[in-house]
Amino acid sequence: MNINIKPSVLKSASRLLCEQVTNGNCLVDTKVRDNGNIIEWHLANGDVIEVINNMDYSTGIAVTPSTSICHWRDGDCLFERMFLSGSQ
């Protein structure tokens, strides 16, 4: 399966993951979903770091207007950064 996340966004998300691992948290699972438009990194403490291409299907064509990086803990978003299509 291909990963459809831009390299610059993956680099930012990887920094967030590395920070967690450096602080003693372990990566326990990685999931690539929605044809490579979503990547989830699951950590031992239950946190999830998620990278999502926010797709817009209103035109009938799948357009990626933005990509988000979110760090979740117990259903709460601790961190979110959004990259607009032209600024990634």
PDB file of N, CA and C in Angstrom:
ATOM      1  N   MET A   1       0.839  -1.177   0.000  1.00  0.00           N
ATOM      2  CA  MET A   1       0.000   0.000   0.000  1.00  0.00           C
ATOM      3  C   MET A   1       0.886   1.243   0.000  1.00  0.00           C
ATOM      4  N   ASN A   2       0.535   2.198  -0.810  1.00  0.00           N
ATOM      5  CA  ASN A   2       1.261   3.467  -0.861  1.00  0.00           C
ATOM      6  C   ASN A   2       0.854   4.370   0.295  1.00  0.00           C
ATOM      7  N   ILE A   3       1.788   5.220   0.713  1.00  0.00           N
ATOM      8  CA  ILE A   3       1.481   6.259   1.691  1.00  0.00           C
ATOM      9  C   ILE A   3       1.335   7.553   0.906  1.00  0.00           C
ATOM     10  N   ASN A   4       0.169   8.191   1.041  1.00  0.00           N
ATOM     11  CA  ASN A   4      -0.131   9.386   0.255  1.00  0.00           C
ATOM     12  C   ASN A   4       0.054  10.682   1.039  1.00  0.00           C
ATOM     13  N   ILE A   5       0.880  10.657   2.059  1.00  0.00           N
ATOM     14  CA  ILE A   5       1.159  11.839   2.870  1.00  0.00           C
ATOM     15  C   ILE A   5       2.453  12.467   2.348  1.00  0.00           C
ATOM     16  N   LYS A   6       2.464  13.780   2.204  1.00  0.00           N
ATOM     17  CA  LYS A   6       3.659  14.459   1.683  1.00  0.00           C
ATOM     18  C   LYS A   6       4.843  14.284   2.631  1.00  0.00           C
ATOM     19  N   PRO A   7       6.053  14.144   2.091  1.00  0.00           N
ATOM     20  CA  PRO A   7       7.247  13.923   2.912  1.00  0.00           C
ATOM     21  C   PRO A   7       7.477  14.974   3.998  1.00  0.00           C
ATOM     22  N   SER A   8       7.208  16.237   3.706  1.00  0.00           N
ATOM     23  CA  SER A   8       7.424  17.288   4.707  1.00  0.00           C
ATOM     24  C   SER A   8       6.482  17.120   5.903  1.00  0.00           C
ATOM     25  N   VAL A   9       5.260  16.661   5.650  1.00  0.00           N
ATOM     26  CA  VAL A   9       4.304  16.422   6.736  1.00  0.00           C
ATOM     27  C   VAL A   9       4.736  15.193   7.530  1.00  0.00           C
ATOM     28  N   LEU A  10       5.166  14.143   6.843  1.00  0.00           N
ATOM     29  CA  LEU A  10       5.657  12.942   7.532  1.00  0.00           C
ATOM     30  C   LEU A  10       6.864  13.275   8.413  1.00  0.00           C
ATOM     31  N   LYS A  11       7.724  14.169   7.947  1.00  0.00           N
ATOM     32  CA  LYS A  11       8.891  14.567   8.727  1.00  0.00           C
ATOM     33  C   LYS A  11       8.451  15.243  10.028  1.00  0.00           C
ATOM     34  N   SER A  12       7.477  16.127   9.960  1.00  0.00           N
ATOM     35  CA  SER A  12       6.960  16.786  11.160  1.00  0.00           C
ATOM     36  C   SER A  12       6.316  15.785  12.112  1.00  0.00           C
ATOM     37  N   ALA A  13       5.527  14.859  11.556  1.00  0.00           N
ATOM     38  CA  ALA A  13       4.872  13.850  12.391  1.00  0.00           C
ATOM     39  C   ALA A  13       5.907  12.909  13.018  1.00  0.00           C
ATOM     40  N   SER A  14       6.944  12.573  12.267  1.00  0.00           N
ATOM     41  CA  SER A  14       8.001  11.701  12.782  1.00  0.00           C
ATOM     42  C   SER A  14       8.736  12.345  13.954  1.00  0.00           C
ATOM     43  N   ARG A  15       8.916  13.669  13.897  1.00  0.00           N
ATOM     44  CA  ARG A  15       9.542  14.380  15.020  1.00  0.00           C
ATOM     45  C   ARG A  15       8.719  14.237  16.292  1.00  0.00           C
ATOM     46  N   LEU A  16       7.394  14.348  16.138  1.00  0.00           N
ATOM     47  CA  LEU A  16       6.499  14.182  17.283  1.00  0.00           C
ATOM     48  C   LEU A  16       6.594  12.768  17.845  1.00  0.00           C
ATOM     49  N   LEU A  17       6.625  11.771  16.959  1.00  0.00           N
ATOM     50  CA  LEU A  17       6.766  10.379  17.389  1.00  0.00           C
ATOM     51  C   LEU A  17       8.109  10.154  18.078  1.00  0.00           C
ATOM     52  N   CYS A  18       9.181  10.668  17.509  1.00  0.00           N
ATOM     53  CA  CYS A  18      10.522  10.509  18.100  1.00  0.00           C
ATOM     54  C   CYS A  18      10.599  11.141  19.477  1.00  0.00           C
ATOM     55  N   GLU A  19       9.939  12.274  19.655  1.00  0.00           N
ATOM     56  CA  GLU A  19       9.907  12.927  20.966  1.00  0.00           C
ATOM     57  C   GLU A  19       9.256  12.011  22.004  1.00  0.00           C
ATOM     58  N   GLN A  20       8.170  11.349  21.609  1.00  0.00           N
ATOM     59  CA  GLN A  20       7.487  10.430  22.525  1.00  0.00           C
ATOM     60  C   GLN A  20       8.365   9.233  22.871  1.00  0.00           C
ATOM     61  N   VAL A  21       9.016   8.668  21.871  1.00  0.00           N
ATOM     62  CA  VAL A  21       9.882   7.500  22.090  1.00  0.00           C
ATOM     63  C   VAL A  21      11.093   7.894  22.948  1.00  0.00           C
ATOM     64  N   THR A  22      11.662   9.066  22.690  1.00  0.00           N
ATOM     65  CA  THR A  22      12.792   9.552  23.475  1.00  0.00           C
ATOM     66  C   THR A  22      12.406   9.734  24.942  1.00  0.00           C
ATOM     67  N   ASN A  23      11.154  10.092  25.192  1.00  0.00           N
ATOM     68  CA  ASN A  23      10.669  10.275  26.560  1.00  0.00           C
ATOM     69  C   ASN A  23      10.240   8.962  27.212  1.00  0.00           C
ATOM     70  N   GLY A  24      10.549   7.816  26.577  1.00  0.00           N
ATOM     71  CA  GLY A  24      10.300   6.515  27.189  1.00  0.00           C
ATOM     72  C   GLY A  24       9.032   5.811  26.758  1.00  0.00           C
ATOM     73  N   ASN A  25       8.273   6.396  25.869  1.00  0.00           N
ATOM     74  CA  ASN A  25       7.066   5.757  25.367  1.00  0.00           C
ATOM     75  C   ASN A  25       7.451   4.811  24.225  1.00  0.00           C
ATOM     76  N   CYS A  26       6.806   3.677  24.131  1.00  0.00           N
ATOM     77  CA  CYS A  26       7.133   2.681  23.097  1.00  0.00           C
ATOM     78  C   CYS A  26       6.068   2.669  22.003  1.00  0.00           C
ATOM     79  N   LEU A  27       6.512   2.533  20.779  1.00  0.00           N
ATOM     80  CA  LEU A  27       5.620   2.359  19.645  1.00  0.00           C
ATOM     81  C   LEU A  27       5.179   0.903  19.628  1.00  0.00           C
ATOM     82  N   VAL A  28       3.866   0.662  19.661  1.00  0.00           N
ATOM     83  CA  VAL A  28       3.367  -0.716  19.709  1.00  0.00           C
ATOM     84  C   VAL A  28       2.632  -1.152  18.443  1.00  0.00           C
ATOM     85  N   ASP A  29       2.186  -0.186  17.620  1.00  0.00           N
ATOM     86  CA  ASP A  29       1.464  -0.568  16.408  1.00  0.00           C
ATOM     87  C   ASP A  29       1.463   0.604  15.428  1.00  0.00           C
ATOM     88  N   THR A  30       1.479   0.276  14.154  1.00  0.00           N
ATOM     89  CA  THR A  30       1.364   1.268  13.084  1.00  0.00           C
ATOM     90  C   THR A  30       0.283   0.787  12.137  1.00  0.00           C
ATOM     91  N   LYS A  31      -0.608   1.682  11.765  1.00  0.00           N
ATOM     92  CA  LYS A  31      -1.672   1.341  10.818  1.00  0.00           C
ATOM     93  C   LYS A  31      -1.675   2.360   9.685  1.00  0.00           C
ATOM     94  N   VAL A  32      -1.798   1.871   8.458  1.00  0.00           N
ATOM     95  CA  VAL A  32      -1.979   2.706   7.282  1.00  0.00           C
ATOM     96  C   VAL A  32      -3.370   2.370   6.756  1.00  0.00           C
ATOM     97  N   ARG A  33      -4.234   3.378   6.712  1.00  0.00           N
ATOM     98  CA  ARG A  33      -5.626   3.139   6.323  1.00  0.00           C
ATOM     99  C   ARG A  33      -6.061   4.090   5.213  1.00  0.00           C
ATOM    100  N   ASP A  34      -7.257   3.867   4.719  1.00  0.00           N
ATOM    101  CA  ASP A  34      -7.891   4.723   3.705  1.00  0.00           C
ATOM    102  C   ASP A  34      -6.971   4.954   2.507  1.00  0.00           C
ATOM    103  N   ASN A  35      -6.470   3.849   1.961  1.00  0.00           N
ATOM    104  CA  ASN A  35      -5.599   3.893   0.770  1.00  0.00           C
ATOM    105  C   ASN A  35      -4.368   4.769   0.965  1.00  0.00           C
ATOM    106  N   GLY A  36      -3.821   4.790   2.171  1.00  0.00           N
ATOM    107  CA  GLY A  36      -2.608   5.542   2.449  1.00  0.00           C
ATOM    108  C   GLY A  36      -2.827   6.990   2.840  1.00  0.00           C
ATOM    109  N   ASN A  37      -4.084   7.394   3.031  1.00  0.00           N
ATOM    110  CA  ASN A  37      -4.388   8.768   3.410  1.00  0.00           C
ATOM    111  C   ASN A  37      -4.438   8.982   4.923  1.00  0.00           C
ATOM    112  N   ILE A  38      -4.353   7.898   5.703  1.00  0.00           N
ATOM    113  CA  ILE A  38      -4.318   7.986   7.162  1.00  0.00           C
ATOM    114  C   ILE A  38      -3.199   7.087   7.667  1.00  0.00           C
ATOM    115  N   ILE A  39      -2.366   7.631   8.539  1.00  0.00           N
ATOM    116  CA  ILE A  39      -1.343   6.840   9.235  1.00  0.00           C
ATOM    117  C   ILE A  39      -1.573   7.016  10.718  1.00  0.00           C
ATOM    118  N   GLU A  40      -1.587   5.913  11.462  1.00  0.00           N
ATOM    119  CA  GLU A  40      -1.746   5.953  12.914  1.00  0.00           C
ATOM    120  C   GLU A  40      -0.552   5.275  13.556  1.00  0.00           C
ATOM    121  N   TRP A  41       0.024   5.932  14.550  1.00  0.00           N
ATOM    122  CA  TRP A  41       1.060   5.316  15.372  1.00  0.00           C
ATOM    123  C   TRP A  41       0.480   5.164  16.768  1.00  0.00           C
ATOM    124  N   HIS A  42       0.392   3.932  17.250  1.00  0.00           N
ATOM    125  CA  HIS A  42      -0.163   3.634  18.569  1.00  0.00           C
ATOM    126  C   HIS A  42       0.983   3.425  19.550  1.00  0.00           C
ATOM    127  N   LEU A  43       0.912   4.122  20.688  1.00  0.00           N
ATOM    128  CA  LEU A  43       1.953   4.077  21.694  1.00  0.00           C
ATOM    129  C   LEU A  43       1.522   3.243  22.888  1.00  0.00           C
ATOM    130  N   ALA A  44       2.498   2.773  23.658  1.00  0.00           N
ATOM    131  CA  ALA A  44       2.238   1.870  24.780  1.00  0.00           C
ATOM    132  C   ALA A  44       1.331   2.480  25.852  1.00  0.00           C
ATOM    133  N   ASN A  45       1.369   3.794  26.018  1.00  0.00           N
ATOM    134  CA  ASN A  45       0.535   4.421  27.047  1.00  0.00           C
ATOM    135  C   ASN A  45      -0.894   4.694  26.573  1.00  0.00           C
ATOM    136  N   GLY A  46      -1.232   4.248  25.363  1.00  0.00           N
ATOM    137  CA  GLY A  46      -2.579   4.430  24.825  1.00  0.00           C
ATOM    138  C   GLY A  46      -2.718   5.634  23.904  1.00  0.00           C
ATOM    139  N   ASP A  47      -1.694   6.481  23.838  1.00  0.00           N
ATOM    140  CA  ASP A  47      -1.735   7.638  22.939  1.00  0.00           C
ATOM    141  C   ASP A  47      -1.722   7.177  21.479  1.00  0.00           C
ATOM    142  N   VAL A  48      -2.269   8.008  20.616  1.00  0.00           N
ATOM    143  CA  VAL A  48      -2.245   7.758  19.175  1.00  0.00           C
ATOM    144  C   VAL A  48      -1.796   9.045  18.477  1.00  0.00           C
ATOM    145  N   ILE A  49      -0.827   8.918  17.599  1.00  0.00           N
ATOM    146  CA  ILE A  49      -0.430  10.022  16.730  1.00  0.00           C
ATOM    147  C   ILE A  49      -0.960   9.678  15.346  1.00  0.00           C
ATOM    148  N   GLU A  50      -1.713  10.612  14.787  1.00  0.00           N
ATOM    149  CA  GLU A  50      -2.460  10.346  13.562  1.00  0.00           C
ATOM    150  C   GLU A  50      -2.129  11.416  12.525  1.00  0.00           C
ATOM    151  N   VAL A  51      -1.899  10.975  11.299  1.00  0.00           N
ATOM    152  CA  VAL A  51      -1.674  11.890  10.175  1.00  0.00           C
ATOM    153  C   VAL A  51      -2.780  11.613   9.165  1.00  0.00           C
ATOM    154  N   ILE A  52      -3.540  12.643   8.822  1.00  0.00           N
ATOM    155  CA  ILE A  52      -4.719  12.449   7.978  1.00  0.00           C
ATOM    156  C   ILE A  52      -4.738  13.454   6.839  1.00  0.00           C
ATOM    157  N   ASN A  53      -4.879  12.952   5.616  1.00  0.00           N
ATOM    158  CA  ASN A  53      -5.227  13.810   4.483  1.00  0.00           C
ATOM    159  C   ASN A  53      -6.723  14.058   4.584  1.00  0.00           C
ATOM    160  N   ASN A  54      -7.112  15.296   4.800  1.00  0.00           N
ATOM    161  CA  ASN A  54      -8.531  15.644   4.892  1.00  0.00           C
ATOM    162  C   ASN A  54      -9.071  15.754   3.473  1.00  0.00           C
ATOM    163  N   MET A  55      -9.862  14.779   3.079  1.00  0.00           N
ATOM    164  CA  MET A  55     -10.327  14.690   1.693  1.00  0.00           C
ATOM    165  C   MET A  55     -11.640  15.438   1.507  1.00  0.00           C
ATOM    166  N   ASP A  56     -11.790  16.059   0.357  1.00  0.00           N
ATOM    167  CA  ASP A  56     -13.008  16.764  -0.022  1.00  0.00           C
ATOM    168  C   ASP A  56     -13.562  16.101  -1.272  1.00  0.00           C
ATOM    169  N   TYR A  57     -14.720  15.457  -1.124  1.00  0.00           N
ATOM    170  CA  TYR A  57     -15.324  14.745  -2.240  1.00  0.00           C
ATOM    171  C   TYR A  57     -16.503  15.523  -2.832  1.00  0.00           C
ATOM    172  N   SER A  58     -16.713  16.775  -2.421  1.00  0.00           N
ATOM    173  CA  SER A  58     -17.896  17.522  -2.852  1.00  0.00           C
ATOM    174  C   SER A  58     -17.932  17.763  -4.360  1.00  0.00           C
ATOM    175  N   THR A  59     -16.772  17.774  -4.995  1.00  0.00           N
ATOM    176  CA  THR A  59     -16.722  18.002  -6.439  1.00  0.00           C
ATOM    177  C   THR A  59     -16.841  16.703  -7.223  1.00  0.00           C
ATOM    178  N   GLY A  60     -16.857  15.574  -6.529  1.00  0.00           N
ATOM    179  CA  GLY A  60     -16.865  14.276  -7.198  1.00  0.00           C
ATOM    180  C   GLY A  60     -15.461  13.756  -7.435  1.00  0.00           C
ATOM    181  N   ILE A  61     -14.462  14.601  -7.214  1.00  0.00           N
ATOM    182  CA  ILE A  61     -13.060  14.220  -7.350  1.00  0.00           C
ATOM    183  C   ILE A  61     -12.410  14.359  -5.972  1.00  0.00           C
ATOM    184  N   ALA A  62     -11.649  13.348  -5.565  1.00  0.00           N
ATOM    185  CA  ALA A  62     -10.991  13.398  -4.258  1.00  0.00           C
ATOM    186  C   ALA A  62      -9.885  14.448  -4.273  1.00  0.00           C
ATOM    187  N   VAL A  63     -10.082  15.523  -3.522  1.00  0.00           N
ATOM    188  CA  VAL A  63      -9.109  16.609  -3.424  1.00  0.00           C
ATOM    189  C   VAL A  63      -8.606  16.645  -1.986  1.00  0.00           C
ATOM    190  N   THR A  64      -7.313  16.865  -1.799  1.00  0.00           N
ATOM    191  CA  THR A  64      -6.758  16.967  -0.457  1.00  0.00           C
ATOM    192  C   THR A  64      -6.516  18.435  -0.135  1.00  0.00           C
ATOM    193  N   PRO A  65      -7.493  19.106   0.503  1.00  0.00           N
ATOM    194  CA  PRO A  65      -7.305  20.524   0.801  1.00  0.00           C
ATOM    195  C   PRO A  65      -6.344  20.770   1.971  1.00  0.00           C
ATOM    196  N   SER A  66      -6.191  19.777   2.856  1.00  0.00           N
ATOM    197  CA  SER A  66      -5.293  19.945   3.996  1.00  0.00           C
ATOM    198  C   SER A  66      -4.900  18.582   4.559  1.00  0.00           C
ATOM    199  N   THR A  67      -3.833  18.597   5.342  1.00  0.00           N
ATOM    200  CA  THR A  67      -3.376  17.398   6.050  1.00  0.00           C
ATOM    201  C   THR A  67      -3.187  17.787   7.504  1.00  0.00           C
ATOM    202  N   SER A  68      -3.633  16.925   8.426  1.00  0.00           N
ATOM    203  CA  SER A  68      -3.542  17.198   9.857  1.00  0.00           C
ATOM    204  C   SER A  68      -2.664  16.174  10.555  1.00  0.00           C
ATOM    205  N   ILE A  69      -1.928  16.653  11.569  1.00  0.00           N
ATOM    206  CA  ILE A  69      -1.223  15.785  12.505  1.00  0.00           C
ATOM    207  C   ILE A  69      -1.895  15.991  13.855  1.00  0.00           C
ATOM    208  N   CYS A  70      -2.363  14.914  14.468  1.00  0.00           N
ATOM    209  CA  CYS A  70      -3.017  15.005  15.775  1.00  0.00           C
ATOM    210  C   CYS A  70      -2.373  14.019  16.746  1.00  0.00           C
ATOM    211  N   HIS A  71      -2.230  14.449  17.986  1.00  0.00           N
ATOM    212  CA  HIS A  71      -1.763  13.574  19.064  1.00  0.00           C
ATOM    213  C   HIS A  71      -2.929  13.422  20.024  1.00  0.00           C
ATOM    214  N   TRP A  72      -3.442  12.187  20.132  1.00  0.00           N
ATOM    215  CA  TRP A  72      -4.628  11.898  20.933  1.00  0.00           C
ATOM    216  C   TRP A  72      -4.253  11.164  22.219  1.00  0.00           C
ATOM    217  N   ARG A  73      -4.946  11.503  23.302  1.00  0.00           N
ATOM    218  CA  ARG A  73      -4.839  10.771  24.561  1.00  0.00           C
ATOM    219  C   ARG A  73      -6.224  10.715  25.190  1.00  0.00           C
ATOM    220  N   ASP A  74      -6.704   9.515  25.419  1.00  0.00           N
ATOM    221  CA  ASP A  74      -8.021   9.306  26.045  1.00  0.00           C
ATOM    222  C   ASP A  74      -9.135  10.097  25.354  1.00  0.00           C
ATOM    223  N   GLY A  75      -9.090  10.140  24.027  1.00  0.00           N
ATOM    224  CA  GLY A  75     -10.132  10.812  23.259  1.00  0.00           C
ATOM    225  C   GLY A  75      -9.984  12.319  23.161  1.00  0.00           C
ATOM    226  N   ASP A  76      -8.952  12.878  23.796  1.00  0.00           N
ATOM    227  CA  ASP A  76      -8.712  14.320  23.739  1.00  0.00           C
ATOM    228  C   ASP A  76      -7.521  14.615  22.838  1.00  0.00           C
ATOM    229  N   CYS A  77      -7.647  15.647  22.032  1.00  0.00           N
ATOM    230  CA  CYS A  77      -6.547  16.050  21.155  1.00  0.00           C
ATOM    231  C   CYS A  77      -5.580  16.921  21.953  1.00  0.00           C
ATOM    232  N   LEU A  78      -4.351  16.424  22.161  1.00  0.00           N
ATOM    233  CA  LEU A  78      -3.329  17.169  22.891  1.00  0.00           C
ATOM    234  C   LEU A  78      -2.610  18.155  21.983  1.00  0.00           C
ATOM    235  N   PHE A  79      -2.510  17.813  20.715  1.00  0.00           N
ATOM    236  CA  PHE A  79      -1.750  18.616  19.761  1.00  0.00           C
ATOM    237  C   PHE A  79      -2.365  18.431  18.383  1.00  0.00           C
ATOM    238  N   GLU A  80      -2.505  19.522  17.639  1.00  0.00           N
ATOM    239  CA  GLU A  80      -2.944  19.412  16.249  1.00  0.00           C
ATOM    240  C   GLU A  80      -2.228  20.472  15.424  1.00  0.00           C
ATOM    241  N   ARG A  81      -1.765  20.051  14.289  1.00  0.00           N
ATOM    242  CA  ARG A  81      -1.157  20.984  13.332  1.00  0.00           C
ATOM    243  C   ARG A  81      -1.738  20.661  11.973  1.00  0.00           C
ATOM    244  N   MET A  82      -2.168  21.690  11.264  1.00  0.00           N
ATOM    245  CA  MET A  82      -2.764  21.506   9.944  1.00  0.00           C
ATOM    246  C   MET A  82      -1.888  22.159   8.892  1.00  0.00           C
ATOM    247  N   PHE A  83      -1.697  21.445   7.798  1.00  0.00           N
ATOM    248  CA  PHE A  83      -0.938  21.934   6.653  1.00  0.00           C
ATOM    249  C   PHE A  83      -1.923  22.117   5.498  1.00  0.00           C
ATOM    250  N   LEU A  84      -1.982  23.306   4.937  1.00  0.00           N
ATOM    251  CA  LEU A  84      -2.855  23.548   3.783  1.00  0.00           C
ATOM    252  C   LEU A  84      -2.170  23.013   2.534  1.00  0.00           C
ATOM    253  N   SER A  85      -2.949  22.627   1.551  1.00  0.00           N
ATOM    254  CA  SER A  85      -2.412  21.980   0.339  1.00  0.00           C
ATOM    255  C   SER A  85      -1.234  22.707  -0.262  1.00  0.00           C
ATOM    256  N   GLY A  86      -1.303  23.982  -0.440  1.00  0.00           N
ATOM    257  CA  GLY A  86      -0.231  24.721  -1.077  1.00  0.00           C
ATOM    258  C   GLY A  86       0.974  24.961  -0.204  1.00  0.00           C
ATOM    259  N   SER A  87       0.862  24.752   1.122  1.00  0.00           N
ATOM    260  CA  SER A  87       1.949  25.102   2.037  1.00  0.00           C
ATOM    261  C   SER A  87       2.667  23.907   2.625  1.00  0.00           C
ATOM    262  N   GLN A  88       2.461  22.722   2.081  1.00  0.00           N
ATOM    263  CA  GLN A  88       3.080  21.527   2.639  1.00  0.00           C
ATOM    264  C   GLN A  88       4.478  21.409   2.135  1.00  0.00           C
TER     265      GLN A  88
END
